[in-house]
PDB file of N, CA and C in Angstrom:
ATOM      1  N   PHE A   1       5.290 -10.268  -8.910  1.00  0.00           N
ATOM      2  CA  PHE A   1       4.419  -9.746  -9.951  1.00  0.00           C
ATOM      3  C   PHE A   1       5.218  -9.208 -11.135  1.00  0.00           C
ATOM      4  N   VAL A   2       6.336  -8.564 -10.863  1.00  0.00           N
ATOM      5  CA  VAL A   2       7.137  -7.961 -11.940  1.00  0.00           C
ATOM      6  C   VAL A   2       7.640  -9.013 -12.934  1.00  0.00           C
ATOM      7  N   PRO A   3       8.164 -10.164 -12.479  1.00  0.00           N
ATOM      8  CA  PRO A   3       8.593 -11.165 -13.469  1.00  0.00           C
ATOM      9  C   PRO A   3       7.444 -11.676 -14.346  1.00  0.00           C
ATOM     10  N   VAL A   4       6.282 -11.852 -13.765  1.00  0.00           N
ATOM     11  CA  VAL A   4       5.131 -12.320 -14.545  1.00  0.00           C
ATOM     12  C   VAL A   4       4.718 -11.264 -15.557  1.00  0.00           C
ATOM     13  N   LEU A   5       4.662 -10.017 -15.130  1.00  0.00           N
ATOM     14  CA  LEU A   5       4.289  -8.930 -16.037  1.00  0.00           C
ATOM     15  C   LEU A   5       5.326  -8.769 -17.143  1.00  0.00           C
ATOM     16  N   THR A   6       6.591  -8.914 -16.806  1.00  0.00           N
ATOM     17  CA  THR A   6       7.653  -8.843 -17.809  1.00  0.00           C
ATOM     18  C   THR A   6       7.491  -9.954 -18.837  1.00  0.00           C
ATOM     19  N   ASP A   7       7.134 -11.134 -18.379  1.00  0.00           N
ATOM     20  CA  ASP A   7       6.915 -12.265 -19.279  1.00  0.00           C
ATOM     21  C   ASP A   7       5.735 -11.991 -20.220  1.00  0.00           C
ATOM     22  N   TYR A   8       4.646 -11.474 -19.672  1.00  0.00           N
ATOM     23  CA  TYR A   8       3.493 -11.117 -20.503  1.00  0.00           C
ATOM     24  C   TYR A   8       3.893 -10.067 -21.535  1.00  0.00           C
ATOM     25  N   PHE A   9       4.646  -9.067 -21.102  1.00  0.00           N
ATOM     26  CA  PHE A   9       5.067  -7.986 -21.990  1.00  0.00           C
ATOM     27  C   PHE A   9       5.941  -8.526 -23.123  1.00  0.00           C
ATOM     28  N   ALA A  10       6.842  -9.439 -22.807  1.00  0.00           N
ATOM     29  CA  ALA A  10       7.757  -9.988 -23.807  1.00  0.00           C
ATOM     30  C   ALA A  10       7.056 -10.944 -24.776  1.00  0.00           C
ATOM     31  N   LYS A  11       6.153 -11.775 -24.254  1.00  0.00           N
ATOM     32  CA  LYS A  11       5.523 -12.799 -25.093  1.00  0.00           C
ATOM     33  C   LYS A  11       4.247 -12.338 -25.780  1.00  0.00           C
ATOM     34  N   ASP A  12       3.399 -11.619 -25.037  1.00  0.00           N
ATOM     35  CA  ASP A  12       2.068 -11.295 -25.555  1.00  0.00           C
ATOM     36  C   ASP A  12       1.898  -9.841 -25.981  1.00  0.00           C
ATOM     37  N   GLY A  13       2.866  -8.997 -25.686  1.00  0.00           N
ATOM     38  CA  GLY A  13       2.775  -7.605 -26.110  1.00  0.00           C
ATOM     39  C   GLY A  13       2.281  -6.676 -25.010  1.00  0.00           C
ATOM     40  N   LYS A  14       2.313  -5.414 -25.356  1.00  0.00           N
ATOM     41  CA  LYS A  14       1.982  -4.365 -24.391  1.00  0.00           C
ATOM     42  C   LYS A  14       0.514  -4.405 -23.955  1.00  0.00           C
ATOM     43  N   ASP A  15      -0.378  -4.682 -24.898  1.00  0.00           N
ATOM     44  CA  ASP A  15      -1.810  -4.683 -24.556  1.00  0.00           C
ATOM     45  C   ASP A  15      -2.155  -5.748 -23.514  1.00  0.00           C
ATOM     46  N   GLU A  16      -1.627  -6.942 -23.669  1.00  0.00           N
ATOM     47  CA  GLU A  16      -1.879  -8.014 -22.694  1.00  0.00           C
ATOM     48  C   GLU A  16      -1.254  -7.678 -21.340  1.00  0.00           C
ATOM     49  N   ALA A  17      -0.068  -7.089 -21.379  1.00  0.00           N
ATOM     50  CA  ALA A  17       0.594  -6.702 -20.135  1.00  0.00           C
ATOM     51  C   ALA A  17      -0.210  -5.624 -19.414  1.00  0.00           C
ATOM     52  N   LEU A  18      -0.746  -4.678 -20.171  1.00  0.00           N
ATOM     53  CA  LEU A  18      -1.584  -3.637 -19.555  1.00  0.00           C
ATOM     54  C   LEU A  18      -2.862  -4.221 -18.976  1.00  0.00           C
ATOM     55  N   ARG A  19      -3.428  -5.204 -19.653  1.00  0.00           N
ATOM     56  CA  ARG A  19      -4.640  -5.855 -19.138  1.00  0.00           C
ATOM     57  C   ARG A  19      -4.355  -6.567 -17.818  1.00  0.00           C
ATOM     58  N   LEU A  20      -3.219  -7.255 -17.752  1.00  0.00           N
ATOM     59  CA  LEU A  20      -2.817  -7.908 -16.504  1.00  0.00           C
ATOM     60  C   LEU A  20      -2.561  -6.876 -15.412  1.00  0.00           C
ATOM     61  N   ALA A  21      -1.921  -5.778 -15.762  1.00  0.00           N
ATOM     62  CA  ALA A  21      -1.632  -4.725 -14.782  1.00  0.00           C
ATOM     63  C   ALA A  21      -2.925  -4.128 -14.231  1.00  0.00           C
ATOM     64  N   ARG A  22      -3.897  -3.880 -15.104  1.00  0.00           N
ATOM     65  CA  ARG A  22      -5.195  -3.349 -14.638  1.00  0.00           C
ATOM     66  C   ARG A  22      -5.884  -4.324 -13.693  1.00  0.00           C
ATOM     67  N   SER A  23      -5.861  -5.600 -14.041  1.00  0.00           N
ATOM     68  CA  SER A  23      -6.483  -6.609 -13.175  1.00  0.00           C
ATOM     69  C   SER A  23      -5.795  -6.660 -11.818  1.00  0.00           C
ATOM     70  N   ALA A  24      -4.470  -6.603 -11.838  1.00  0.00           N
ATOM     71  CA  ALA A  24      -3.718  -6.625 -10.576  1.00  0.00           C
ATOM     72  C   ALA A  24      -4.029  -5.391  -9.736  1.00  0.00           C
ATOM     73  N   LEU A  25      -4.165  -4.239 -10.389  1.00  0.00           N
ATOM     74  CA  LEU A  25      -4.503  -3.017  -9.643  1.00  0.00           C
ATOM     75  C   LEU A  25      -5.878  -3.122  -8.993  1.00  0.00           C
ATOM     76  N   TRP A  26      -6.851  -3.696  -9.696  1.00  0.00           N
ATOM     77  CA  TRP A  26      -8.185  -3.865  -9.117  1.00  0.00           C
ATOM     78  C   TRP A  26      -8.154  -4.795  -7.907  1.00  0.00           C
ATOM     79  N   VAL A  27      -7.510  -5.936  -8.076  1.00  0.00           N
ATOM     80  CA  VAL A  27      -7.450  -6.914  -6.979  1.00  0.00           C
ATOM     81  C   VAL A  27      -6.711  -6.317  -5.785  1.00  0.00           C
ATOM     82  N   MET A  28      -5.562  -5.680  -6.066  1.00  0.00           N
ATOM     83  CA  MET A  28      -4.772  -5.078  -4.992  1.00  0.00           C
ATOM     84  C   MET A  28      -5.559  -3.965  -4.296  1.00  0.00           C
ATOM     85  N   SER A  29      -6.302  -3.182  -5.062  1.00  0.00           N
ATOM     86  CA  SER A  29      -7.114  -2.109  -4.467  1.00  0.00           C
ATOM     87  C   SER A  29      -8.150  -2.672  -3.505  1.00  0.00           C
ATOM     88  N   ILE A  30      -8.829  -3.706  -3.918  1.00  0.00           N
ATOM     89  CA  ILE A  30      -9.863  -4.312  -3.060  1.00  0.00           C
ATOM     90  C   ILE A  30      -9.238  -4.866  -1.781  1.00  0.00           C
ATOM     91  N   ILE A  31      -8.136  -5.585  -1.926  1.00  0.00           N
ATOM     92  CA  ILE A  31      -7.474  -6.158  -0.752  1.00  0.00           C
ATOM     93  C   ILE A  31      -6.999  -5.057   0.189  1.00  0.00           C
ATOM     94  N   LEU A  32      -6.381  -4.018  -0.366  1.00  0.00           N
ATOM     95  CA  LEU A  32      -5.847  -2.943   0.477  1.00  0.00           C
ATOM     96  C   LEU A  32      -6.951  -2.125   1.143  1.00  0.00           C
ATOM     97  N   VAL A  33      -8.065  -1.945   0.460  1.00  0.00           N
ATOM     98  CA  VAL A  33      -9.197  -1.242   1.086  1.00  0.00           C
ATOM     99  C   VAL A  33      -9.712  -2.052   2.269  1.00  0.00           C
ATOM    100  N   LEU A  34      -9.842  -3.356   2.080  1.00  0.00           N
ATOM    101  CA  LEU A  34     -10.321  -4.209   3.175  1.00  0.00           C
ATOM    102  C   LEU A  34      -9.346  -4.200   4.356  1.00  0.00           C
ATOM    103  N   VAL A  35      -8.047  -4.278   4.065  1.00  0.00           N
ATOM    104  CA  VAL A  35      -7.048  -4.242   5.138  1.00  0.00           C
ATOM    105  C   VAL A  35      -7.104  -2.902   5.871  1.00  0.00           C
ATOM    106  N   SER A  36      -7.220  -1.821   5.120  1.00  0.00           N
ATOM    107  CA  SER A  36      -7.275  -0.497   5.747  1.00  0.00           C
ATOM    108  C   SER A  36      -8.521  -0.317   6.604  1.00  0.00           C
ATOM    109  N   ILE A  37      -9.664  -0.749   6.094  1.00  0.00           N
ATOM    110  CA  ILE A  37     -10.909  -0.627   6.865  1.00  0.00           C
ATOM    111  C   ILE A  37     -10.838  -1.476   8.132  1.00  0.00           C
ATOM    112  N   CYS A  38     -10.367  -2.704   7.996  1.00  0.00           N
ATOM    113  CA  CYS A  38     -10.227  -3.575   9.180  1.00  0.00           C
ATOM    114  C   CYS A  38      -9.247  -2.968  10.179  1.00  0.00           C
ATOM    115  N   GLY A  39      -8.162  -2.417   9.688  1.00  0.00           N
ATOM    116  CA  GLY A  39      -7.179  -1.793  10.569  1.00  0.00           C
ATOM    117  C   GLY A  39      -7.736  -0.594  11.306  1.00  0.00           C
ATOM    118  N   ILE A  40      -8.524   0.214  10.605  1.00  0.00           N
ATOM    119  CA  ILE A  40      -9.129   1.382  11.237  1.00  0.00           C
ATOM    120  C   ILE A  40     -10.134   0.945  12.308  1.00  0.00           C
ATOM    121  N   ILE A  41     -10.944  -0.042  11.978  1.00  0.00           N
ATOM    122  CA  ILE A  41     -11.948  -0.515  12.938  1.00  0.00           C
ATOM    123  C   ILE A  41     -11.297  -1.205  14.138  1.00  0.00           C
ATOM    124  N   LEU A  42     -10.259  -1.987  13.875  1.00  0.00           N
ATOM    125  CA  LEU A  42      -9.614  -2.772  14.932  1.00  0.00           C
ATOM    126  C   LEU A  42      -8.417  -2.065  15.567  1.00  0.00           C
ATOM    127  N   SER A  43      -8.270  -0.771  15.331  1.00  0.00           N
ATOM    128  CA  SER A  43      -7.132  -0.032  15.893  1.00  0.00           C
ATOM    129  C   SER A  43      -7.001  -0.171  17.410  1.00  0.00           C
ATOM    130  N   PRO A  44      -8.089  -0.079  18.176  1.00  0.00           N
ATOM    131  CA  PRO A  44      -7.919  -0.240  19.632  1.00  0.00           C
ATOM    132  C   PRO A  44      -7.312  -1.591  20.018  1.00  0.00           C
ATOM    133  N   LEU A  45      -7.765  -2.648  19.364  1.00  0.00           N
ATOM    134  CA  LEU A  45      -7.237  -3.976  19.656  1.00  0.00           C
ATOM    135  C   LEU A  45      -5.776  -4.099  19.216  1.00  0.00           C
ATOM    136  N   ILE A  46      -5.475  -3.574  18.042  1.00  0.00           N
ATOM    137  CA  ILE A  46      -4.098  -3.633  17.523  1.00  0.00           C
ATOM    138  C   ILE A  46      -3.144  -2.892  18.452  1.00  0.00           C
ATOM    139  N   VAL A  47      -3.551  -1.713  18.899  1.00  0.00           N
ATOM    140  CA  VAL A  47      -2.692  -0.922  19.793  1.00  0.00           C
ATOM    141  C   VAL A  47      -2.502  -1.640  21.123  1.00  0.00           C
ATOM    142  N   LYS A  48      -3.565  -2.233  21.648  1.00  0.00           N
ATOM    143  CA  LYS A  48      -3.441  -2.948  22.923  1.00  0.00           C
ATOM    144  C   LYS A  48      -2.525  -4.162  22.809  1.00  0.00           C
ATOM    145  N   ILE A  49      -2.504  -4.803  21.650  1.00  0.00           N
ATOM    146  CA  ILE A  49      -1.622  -5.958  21.453  1.00  0.00           C
ATOM    147  C   ILE A  49      -0.180  -5.505  21.265  1.00  0.00           C
ATOM    148  N   ILE A  50       0.028  -4.483  20.445  1.00  0.00           N
ATOM    149  CA  ILE A  50       1.392  -4.048  20.115  1.00  0.00           C
ATOM    150  C   ILE A  50       2.018  -3.220  21.241  1.00  0.00           C
ATOM    151  N   ALA A  51       1.214  -2.402  21.902  1.00  0.00           N
ATOM    152  CA  ALA A  51       1.743  -1.527  22.954  1.00  0.00           C
ATOM    153  C   ALA A  51       0.949  -1.719  24.246  1.00  0.00           C
ATOM    154  N   PRO A  52       1.094  -2.862  24.902  1.00  0.00           N
ATOM    155  CA  PRO A  52       0.301  -3.120  26.108  1.00  0.00           C
ATOM    156  C   PRO A  52       0.630  -2.171  27.258  1.00  0.00           C
ATOM    157  N   GLY A  53       1.805  -1.581  27.258  1.00  0.00           N
ATOM    158  CA  GLY A  53       2.168  -0.651  28.322  1.00  0.00           C
ATOM    159  C   GLY A  53       1.409   0.660  28.259  1.00  0.00           C
ATOM    160  N   PHE A  54       0.799   0.955  27.119  1.00  0.00           N
ATOM    161  CA  PHE A  54       0.053   2.205  26.964  1.00  0.00           C
ATOM    162  C   PHE A  54      -1.314   2.145  27.637  1.00  0.00           C
ATOM    163  N   ILE A  55      -1.768   0.958  28.009  1.00  0.00           N
ATOM    164  CA  ILE A  55      -3.100   0.811  28.616  1.00  0.00           C
ATOM    165  C   ILE A  55      -3.204   1.604  29.915  1.00  0.00           C
ATOM    166  N   ASP A  56      -2.100   1.715  30.637  1.00  0.00           N
ATOM    167  CA  ASP A  56      -2.112   2.416  31.920  1.00  0.00           C
ATOM    168  C   ASP A  56      -2.302   3.925  31.767  1.00  0.00           C
ATOM    169  N   SER A  57      -2.022   4.459  30.609  1.00  0.00           N
ATOM    170  CA  SER A  57      -2.126   5.898  30.373  1.00  0.00           C
ATOM    171  C   SER A  57      -3.255   6.172  29.380  1.00  0.00           C
ATOM    172  N   PRO A  58      -4.410   6.627  29.870  1.00  0.00           N
ATOM    173  CA  PRO A  58      -5.568   6.825  28.981  1.00  0.00           C
ATOM    174  C   PRO A  58      -5.292   7.813  27.838  1.00  0.00           C
ATOM    175  N   GLY A  59      -4.564   8.881  28.120  1.00  0.00           N
ATOM    176  CA  GLY A  59      -4.273   9.859  27.070  1.00  0.00           C
ATOM    177  C   GLY A  59      -3.349   9.302  26.012  1.00  0.00           C
ATOM    178  N   LYS A  60      -2.387   8.527  26.453  1.00  0.00           N
ATOM    179  CA  LYS A  60      -1.410   7.963  25.520  1.00  0.00           C
ATOM    180  C   LYS A  60      -2.052   6.919  24.611  1.00  0.00           C
ATOM    181  N   ILE A  61      -2.903   6.068  25.169  1.00  0.00           N
ATOM    182  CA  ILE A  61      -3.514   5.018  24.337  1.00  0.00           C
ATOM    183  C   ILE A  61      -4.534   5.609  23.370  1.00  0.00           C
ATOM    184  N   SER A  62      -5.286   6.613  23.810  1.00  0.00           N
ATOM    185  CA  SER A  62      -6.265   7.212  22.895  1.00  0.00           C
ATOM    186  C   SER A  62      -5.568   7.954  21.756  1.00  0.00           C
ATOM    187  N   LEU A  63      -4.468   8.638  22.042  1.00  0.00           N
ATOM    188  CA  LEU A  63      -3.704   9.311  20.988  1.00  0.00           C
ATOM    189  C   LEU A  63      -3.098   8.295  20.022  1.00  0.00           C
ATOM    190  N   THR A  64      -2.601   7.199  20.544  1.00  0.00           N
ATOM    191  CA  THR A  64      -2.013   6.154  19.703  1.00  0.00           C
ATOM    192  C   THR A  64      -3.067   5.528  18.797  1.00  0.00           C
ATOM    193  N   ILE A  65      -4.258   5.327  19.316  1.00  0.00           N
ATOM    194  CA  ILE A  65      -5.352   4.775  18.510  1.00  0.00           C
ATOM    195  C   ILE A  65      -5.726   5.744  17.388  1.00  0.00           C
ATOM    196  N   VAL A  66      -5.829   7.028  17.706  1.00  0.00           N
ATOM    197  CA  VAL A  66      -6.157   8.038  16.683  1.00  0.00           C
ATOM    198  C   VAL A  66      -5.076   8.081  15.607  1.00  0.00           C
ATOM    199  N   LEU A  67      -3.820   8.086  16.009  1.00  0.00           N
ATOM    200  CA  LEU A  67      -2.721   8.135  15.041  1.00  0.00           C
ATOM    201  C   LEU A  67      -2.656   6.865  14.194  1.00  0.00           C
ATOM    202  N   THR A  68      -2.972   5.736  14.811  1.00  0.00           N
ATOM    203  CA  THR A  68      -3.015   4.478  14.048  1.00  0.00           C
ATOM    204  C   THR A  68      -4.113   4.541  13.003  1.00  0.00           C
ATOM    205  N   ARG A  69      -5.255   5.066  13.371  1.00  0.00           N
ATOM    206  CA  ARG A  69      -6.358   5.195  12.414  1.00  0.00           C
ATOM    207  C   ARG A  69      -6.008   6.164  11.283  1.00  0.00           C
ATOM    208  N   ILE A  70      -5.265   7.188  11.593  1.00  0.00           N
ATOM    209  CA  ILE A  70      -4.849   8.142  10.558  1.00  0.00           C
ATOM    210  C   ILE A  70      -3.865   7.488   9.585  1.00  0.00           C
ATOM    211  N   MET A  71      -3.001   6.623  10.102  1.00  0.00           N
ATOM    212  CA  MET A  71      -1.947   6.031   9.267  1.00  0.00           C
ATOM    213  C   MET A  71      -2.399   4.816   8.442  1.00  0.00           C
ATOM    214  N   PHE A  72      -3.494   4.191   8.781  1.00  0.00           N
ATOM    215  CA  PHE A  72      -3.905   3.005   8.023  1.00  0.00           C
ATOM    216  C   PHE A  72      -4.222   3.291   6.555  1.00  0.00           C
ATOM    217  N   PRO A  73      -4.834   4.411   6.200  1.00  0.00           N
ATOM    218  CA  PRO A  73      -5.016   4.674   4.765  1.00  0.00           C
ATOM    219  C   PRO A  73      -3.690   4.768   3.998  1.00  0.00           C
ATOM    220  N   TYR A  74      -2.613   5.091   4.689  1.00  0.00           N
ATOM    221  CA  TYR A  74      -1.302   5.145   4.050  1.00  0.00           C
ATOM    222  C   TYR A  74      -0.913   3.771   3.497  1.00  0.00           C
ATOM    223  N   ILE A  75      -1.325   2.712   4.172  1.00  0.00           N
ATOM    224  CA  ILE A  75      -1.048   1.357   3.695  1.00  0.00           C
ATOM    225  C   ILE A  75      -1.709   1.139   2.328  1.00  0.00           C
ATOM    226  N   PHE A  76      -2.923   1.646   2.184  1.00  0.00           N
ATOM    227  CA  PHE A  76      -3.619   1.551   0.902  1.00  0.00           C
ATOM    228  C   PHE A  76      -2.808   2.234  -0.199  1.00  0.00           C
ATOM    229  N   PHE A  77      -2.420   3.480   0.056  1.00  0.00           N
ATOM    230  CA  PHE A  77      -1.716   4.247  -0.969  1.00  0.00           C
ATOM    231  C   PHE A  77      -0.319   3.699  -1.260  1.00  0.00           C
ATOM    232  N   ILE A  78       0.419   3.330  -0.248  1.00  0.00           N
ATOM    233  CA  ILE A  78       1.780   2.835  -0.466  1.00  0.00           C
ATOM    234  C   ILE A  78       1.754   1.491  -1.201  1.00  0.00           C
ATOM    235  N   GLY A  79       0.756   0.677  -0.931  1.00  0.00           N
ATOM    236  CA  GLY A  79       0.631  -0.595  -1.641  1.00  0.00           C
ATOM    237  C   GLY A  79       0.370  -0.397  -3.127  1.00  0.00           C
ATOM    238  N   LEU A  80      -0.540   0.527  -3.456  1.00  0.00           N
ATOM    239  CA  LEU A  80      -0.819   0.804  -4.866  1.00  0.00           C
ATOM    240  C   LEU A  80       0.365   1.466  -5.550  1.00  0.00           C
ATOM    241  N   VAL A  81       1.035   2.359  -4.846  1.00  0.00           N
ATOM    242  CA  VAL A  81       2.211   3.012  -5.426  1.00  0.00           C
ATOM    243  C   VAL A  81       3.300   1.988  -5.710  1.00  0.00           C
ATOM    244  N   ALA A  82       3.510   1.052  -4.807  1.00  0.00           N
ATOM    245  CA  ALA A  82       4.535   0.023  -5.024  1.00  0.00           C
ATOM    246  C   ALA A  82       4.203  -0.822  -6.255  1.00  0.00           C
ATOM    247  N   LEU A  83       2.940  -1.172  -6.417  1.00  0.00           N
ATOM    248  CA  LEU A  83       2.531  -1.936  -7.591  1.00  0.00           C
ATOM    249  C   LEU A  83       2.729  -1.121  -8.865  1.00  0.00           C
ATOM    250  N   CYS A  84       2.346   0.146  -8.826  1.00  0.00           N
ATOM    251  CA  CYS A  84       2.519   1.023  -9.994  1.00  0.00           C
ATOM    252  C   CYS A  84       4.001   1.227 -10.317  1.00  0.00           C
ATOM    253  N   MET A  85       4.839   1.280  -9.303  1.00  0.00           N
ATOM    254  CA  MET A  85       6.280   1.405  -9.545  1.00  0.00           C
ATOM    255  C   MET A  85       6.799   0.185 -10.297  1.00  0.00           C
ATOM    256  N   GLY A  86       6.356  -0.987  -9.918  1.00  0.00           N
ATOM    257  CA  GLY A  86       6.754  -2.197 -10.628  1.00  0.00           C
ATOM    258  C   GLY A  86       6.273  -2.205 -12.068  1.00  0.00           C
ATOM    259  N   ILE A  87       5.039  -1.767 -12.272  1.00  0.00           N
ATOM    260  CA  ILE A  87       4.483  -1.701 -13.626  1.00  0.00           C
ATOM    261  C   ILE A  87       5.289  -0.727 -14.486  1.00  0.00           C
ATOM    262  N   LEU A  88       5.587   0.439 -13.930  1.00  0.00           N
ATOM    263  CA  LEU A  88       6.375   1.418 -14.681  1.00  0.00           C
ATOM    264  C   LEU A  88       7.766   0.891 -15.005  1.00  0.00           C
ATOM    265  N   ASN A  89       8.375   0.182 -14.079  1.00  0.00           N
ATOM    266  CA  ASN A  89       9.694  -0.400 -14.341  1.00  0.00           C
ATOM    267  C   ASN A  89       9.647  -1.399 -15.494  1.00  0.00           C
ATOM    268  N   VAL A  90       8.603  -2.207 -15.536  1.00  0.00           N
ATOM    269  CA  VAL A  90       8.472  -3.184 -16.620  1.00  0.00           C
ATOM    270  C   VAL A  90       8.376  -2.484 -17.975  1.00  0.00           C
ATOM    271  N   PHE A  91       7.682  -1.351 -18.012  1.00  0.00           N
ATOM    272  CA  PHE A  91       7.509  -0.623 -19.266  1.00  0.00           C
ATOM    273  C   PHE A  91       8.653   0.341 -19.567  1.00  0.00           C
ATOM    274  N   GLY A  92       9.723   0.261 -18.782  1.00  0.00           N
ATOM    275  CA  GLY A  92      10.924   1.031 -19.091  1.00  0.00           C
ATOM    276  C   GLY A  92      10.974   2.443 -18.541  1.00  0.00           C
ATOM    277  N   HIS A  93      10.084   2.786 -17.643  1.00  0.00           N
ATOM    278  CA  HIS A  93      10.090   4.112 -17.010  1.00  0.00           C
ATOM    279  C   HIS A  93      10.709   3.963 -15.619  1.00  0.00           C
ATOM    280  N   PHE A  94      11.896   4.531 -15.448  1.00  0.00           N
ATOM    281  CA  PHE A  94      12.626   4.311 -14.204  1.00  0.00           C
ATOM    282  C   PHE A  94      12.728   5.546 -13.313  1.00  0.00           C
ATOM    283  N   ALA A  95      12.656   6.733 -13.871  1.00  0.00           N
ATOM    284  CA  ALA A  95      12.840   7.955 -13.087  1.00  0.00           C
ATOM    285  C   ALA A  95      11.671   8.186 -12.126  1.00  0.00           C
ATOM    286  N   THR A  96      10.468   8.068 -12.632  1.00  0.00           N
ATOM    287  CA  THR A  96       9.291   8.317 -11.791  1.00  0.00           C
ATOM    288  C   THR A  96       9.220   7.354 -10.609  1.00  0.00           C
ATOM    289  N   PRO A  97       9.390   6.044 -10.815  1.00  0.00           N
ATOM    290  CA  PRO A  97       9.370   5.150  -9.655  1.00  0.00           C
ATOM    291  C   PRO A  97      10.501   5.420  -8.667  1.00  0.00           C
ATOM    292  N   ALA A  98      11.625   5.893  -9.169  1.00  0.00           N
ATOM    293  CA  ALA A  98      12.741   6.178  -8.269  1.00  0.00           C
ATOM    294  C   ALA A  98      12.447   7.387  -7.385  1.00  0.00           C
ATOM    295  N   LEU A  99      11.669   8.335  -7.886  1.00  0.00           N
ATOM    296  CA  LEU A  99      11.358   9.546  -7.114  1.00  0.00           C
ATOM    297  C   LEU A  99      10.095   9.423  -6.266  1.00  0.00           C
ATOM    298  N   ALA A 100       9.281   8.412  -6.520  1.00  0.00           N
ATOM    299  CA  ALA A 100       8.012   8.260  -5.798  1.00  0.00           C
ATOM    300  C   ALA A 100       8.170   8.169  -4.284  1.00  0.00           C
ATOM    301  N   PRO A 101       9.136   7.418  -3.744  1.00  0.00           N
ATOM    302  CA  PRO A 101       9.268   7.364  -2.281  1.00  0.00           C
ATOM    303  C   PRO A 101       9.557   8.728  -1.644  1.00  0.00           C
ATOM    304  N   VAL A 102      10.253   9.582  -2.362  1.00  0.00           N
ATOM    305  CA  VAL A 102      10.528  10.925  -1.840  1.00  0.00           C
ATOM    306  C   VAL A 102       9.219  11.678  -1.650  1.00  0.00           C
ATOM    307  N   LEU A 103       8.364  11.641  -2.658  1.00  0.00           N
ATOM    308  CA  LEU A 103       7.080  12.340  -2.570  1.00  0.00           C
ATOM    309  C   LEU A 103       6.189  11.737  -1.485  1.00  0.00           C
ATOM    310  N   LEU A 104       6.200  10.416  -1.358  1.00  0.00           N
ATOM    311  CA  LEU A 104       5.388   9.773  -0.314  1.00  0.00           C
ATOM    312  C   LEU A 104       5.855  10.179   1.082  1.00  0.00           C
ATOM    313  N   ASN A 105       7.155  10.238   1.279  1.00  0.00           N
ATOM    314  CA  ASN A 105       7.677  10.622   2.591  1.00  0.00           C
ATOM    315  C   ASN A 105       7.399  12.093   2.886  1.00  0.00           C
ATOM    316  N   LEU A 106       7.431  12.941   1.880  1.00  0.00           N
ATOM    317  CA  LEU A 106       7.087  14.340   2.096  1.00  0.00           C
ATOM    318  C   LEU A 106       5.606  14.504   2.441  1.00  0.00           C
ATOM    319  N   ALA A 107       4.761  13.720   1.782  1.00  0.00           N
ATOM    320  CA  ALA A 107       3.327  13.797   2.040  1.00  0.00           C
ATOM    321  C   ALA A 107       2.967  13.263   3.415  1.00  0.00           C
ATOM    322  N   MET A 108       3.726  12.275   3.880  1.00  0.00           N
ATOM    323  CA  MET A 108       3.422  11.686   5.182  1.00  0.00           C
ATOM    324  C   MET A 108       3.810  12.662   6.258  1.00  0.00           C
TER     325      MET A 108
END
């Protein structure tokens, strides 16, 4: 996405690049919301596939399912942050994207 946005910025100007960035944010938001919702709903199945040994321990599997459901919205936020970091880099802002992972890890 960054090379395409850079090309738009260089050839068509800032306004066209911002329009492309907004469109990408909308599409990415919709996709990430759907992935997060599906992940939250399908957490029991995902946990059983990834950690089949937890099935024998009812407390362990239920805790893992709850924690998986808590962490799926993080995929939504980290995906949008990564896209925004690329957009900021294209527009010449480098400090904020460089510090964003620190804030995300502190929040998690």
